[in-house]
Structure formats: structure tokens, C-alpha cells
Amino acid sequence: MPFGTEILSVERIMLKNGFSCHVNLAKAFEKRTEAHNLIDYLYCNREEGFPVSRRYQSALVIRDGKVSWILVSKGLAGP
């Protein structure tokens, strides 16, 4: 997603690609090695596979209704 894209357009694209999304206001987003606190972002998550699934998470940081930064995390989840 290019920076400056309207967040509603980004959400539609992410949903179309199998992600579930919701907006978080003044919340933290943590990756394995870093934490980002008190940011507004569209959180999107997608998991695929069983019993171990590959998980994709993204925080599309919102400023003035548009994407200003993108944080991404991926990994494996399961027993």
C-alpha cells in the first residue's frame, strides 16, 4: 500500500485478500523486537493452514485518514 492511500480503500483491499481488519485508536502494536505505543492504526490479520498456521499481521498507521506507515509481522501459530 502506498503511503497516503485512504484508509477505507486500504481496508477494502485487505478484506478482499482474506484479512480480517479493525481500527485501533491510541493502542500499541508489538513486533518481536520492537513496540509502537499510542498509535492509531488499521489492524489486519490473516491465518492459513492447519494444525500449524502461518499468521500475517499488519498495522497500517493512520494519520489524517490516510496510511502514513506500515508495520508488519508474520510467523507460525499452533500447538
C-alpha atoms as a PDB file:
ATOM      1  CA  MET A   1       0.000   0.000   0.000  1.00  0.00           C
ATOM      2  CA  PRO A   2       1.456   3.351  -0.919  1.00  0.00           C
ATOM      3  CA  PHE A   3       1.684   5.931   1.851  1.00  0.00           C
ATOM      4  CA  GLY A   4      -1.115   8.475   1.501  1.00  0.00           C
ATOM      5  CA  THR A   5      -3.746   5.911   0.445  1.00  0.00           C
ATOM      6  CA  GLU A   6      -7.155   6.490   2.060  1.00  0.00           C
ATOM      7  CA  ILE A   7      -7.597   4.036   4.941  1.00  0.00           C
ATOM      8  CA  LEU A   8     -11.075   2.941   3.751  1.00  0.00           C
ATOM      9  CA  SER A   9      -9.611   1.925   0.384  1.00  0.00           C
ATOM     10  CA  VAL A  10      -6.850   0.000   2.142  1.00  0.00           C
ATOM     11  CA  GLU A  11      -9.378  -1.830   4.327  1.00  0.00           C
ATOM     12  CA  ARG A  12     -11.394  -2.914   1.270  1.00  0.00           C
ATOM     13  CA  ILE A  13      -8.250  -4.264  -0.405  1.00  0.00           C
ATOM     14  CA  MET A  14      -7.148  -6.149   2.713  1.00  0.00           C
ATOM     15  CA  LEU A  15     -10.607  -7.698   3.217  1.00  0.00           C
ATOM     16  CA  LYS A  16     -10.685  -8.728  -0.441  1.00  0.00           C
ATOM     17  CA  ASN A  17      -7.359 -10.544   0.130  1.00  0.00           C
ATOM     18  CA  GLY A  18      -8.622 -12.626   3.040  1.00  0.00           C
ATOM     19  CA  PHE A  19      -7.663 -10.437   6.002  1.00  0.00           C
ATOM     20  CA  SER A  20      -9.920  -9.511   8.898  1.00  0.00           C
ATOM     21  CA  CYS A  21      -9.450  -5.893   9.979  1.00  0.00           C
ATOM     22  CA  HIS A  22     -10.438  -3.417  12.672  1.00  0.00           C
ATOM     23  CA  VAL A  23      -9.322   0.053  13.742  1.00  0.00           C
ATOM     24  CA  ASN A  24      -7.330   0.574  16.956  1.00  0.00           C
ATOM     25  CA  LEU A  25      -7.024   4.107  18.333  1.00  0.00           C
ATOM     26  CA  ALA A  26      -4.143   5.097  20.644  1.00  0.00           C
ATOM     27  CA  LYS A  27      -3.069   1.456  21.043  1.00  0.00           C
ATOM     28  CA  ALA A  28       0.222  -0.437  20.924  1.00  0.00           C
ATOM     29  CA  PHE A  29       1.427  -2.750  18.149  1.00  0.00           C
ATOM     30  CA  GLU A  30       4.258  -5.100  19.061  1.00  0.00           C
ATOM     31  CA  LYS A  31       6.634  -6.985  16.816  1.00  0.00           C
ATOM     32  CA  ARG A  32       9.183  -9.433  18.165  1.00  0.00           C
ATOM     33  CA  THR A  33      11.923  -6.837  18.532  1.00  0.00           C
ATOM     34  CA  GLU A  34      10.066  -3.541  18.803  1.00  0.00           C
ATOM     35  CA  ALA A  35       6.947  -1.921  20.234  1.00  0.00           C
ATOM     36  CA  HIS A  36       4.993   1.040  18.928  1.00  0.00           C
ATOM     37  CA  ASN A  37       2.807   2.724  21.549  1.00  0.00           C
ATOM     38  CA  LEU A  38      -0.212   5.004  21.343  1.00  0.00           C
ATOM     39  CA  ILE A  39      -0.695   4.901  17.598  1.00  0.00           C
ATOM     40  CA  ASP A  40      -3.894   4.881  15.544  1.00  0.00           C
ATOM     41  CA  TYR A  41      -3.888   2.025  13.064  1.00  0.00           C
ATOM     42  CA  LEU A  42      -5.897  -0.404  11.000  1.00  0.00           C
ATOM     43  CA  TYR A  43      -5.015  -3.855  12.333  1.00  0.00           C
ATOM     44  CA  CYS A  44      -5.334  -6.652   9.771  1.00  0.00           C
ATOM     45  CA  ASN A  45      -4.779 -10.352  10.428  1.00  0.00           C
ATOM     46  CA  ARG A  46      -4.804 -13.464   8.219  1.00  0.00           C
ATOM     47  CA  GLU A  47      -4.083 -17.067   9.127  1.00  0.00           C
ATOM     48  CA  GLU A  48      -3.812 -20.064   6.806  1.00  0.00           C
ATOM     49  CA  GLY A  49      -3.031 -23.734   7.378  1.00  0.00           C
ATOM     50  CA  PHE A  50      -3.851 -26.360   9.996  1.00  0.00           C
ATOM     51  CA  PRO A  51      -2.864 -27.526  12.617  1.00  0.00           C
ATOM     52  CA  VAL A  52       0.064 -25.109  12.385  1.00  0.00           C
ATOM     53  CA  SER A  53      -0.915 -21.921  10.631  1.00  0.00           C
ATOM     54  CA  ARG A  54       1.064 -19.133   9.048  1.00  0.00           C
ATOM     55  CA  ARG A  55      -0.065 -15.831  10.530  1.00  0.00           C
ATOM     56  CA  TYR A  56       0.227 -12.436   8.874  1.00  0.00           C
ATOM     57  CA  GLN A  57      -0.405  -9.270  10.889  1.00  0.00           C
ATOM     58  CA  SER A  58      -0.173  -5.669   9.821  1.00  0.00           C
ATOM     59  CA  ALA A  59      -0.705  -2.299  11.421  1.00  0.00           C
ATOM     60  CA  LEU A  60      -1.393   0.368   8.834  1.00  0.00           C
ATOM     61  CA  VAL A  61      -0.742   3.561  10.773  1.00  0.00           C
ATOM     62  CA  ILE A  62      -3.396   6.226  10.224  1.00  0.00           C
ATOM     63  CA  ARG A  63      -2.744   9.953  10.015  1.00  0.00           C
ATOM     64  CA  ASP A  64      -5.445  12.286   8.684  1.00  0.00           C
ATOM     65  CA  GLY A  65      -7.441   9.285   7.391  1.00  0.00           C
ATOM     66  CA  LYS A  66      -4.567   8.003   5.277  1.00  0.00           C
ATOM     67  CA  VAL A  67      -1.800   5.417   5.592  1.00  0.00           C
ATOM     68  CA  SER A  68       1.334   7.076   6.950  1.00  0.00           C
ATOM     69  CA  TRP A  69       3.377   3.993   7.905  1.00  0.00           C
ATOM     70  CA  ILE A  70       3.114   0.203   7.701  1.00  0.00           C
ATOM     71  CA  LEU A  71       4.242  -2.273  10.367  1.00  0.00           C
ATOM     72  CA  VAL A  72       4.228  -5.985   9.502  1.00  0.00           C
ATOM     73  CA  SER A  73       4.656  -9.174  11.500  1.00  0.00           C
ATOM     74  CA  LYS A  74       4.485 -12.787  10.349  1.00  0.00           C
ATOM     75  CA  GLY A  75       5.035 -16.132  11.993  1.00  0.00           C
ATOM     76  CA  LEU A  76       3.712 -19.572  12.790  1.00  0.00           C
ATOM     77  CA  ALA A  77       0.932 -20.318  15.282  1.00  0.00           C
ATOM     78  CA  GLY A  78      -0.229 -23.647  16.608  1.00  0.00           C
ATOM     79  CA  PRO A  79       0.363 -26.477  19.028  1.00  0.00           C
END
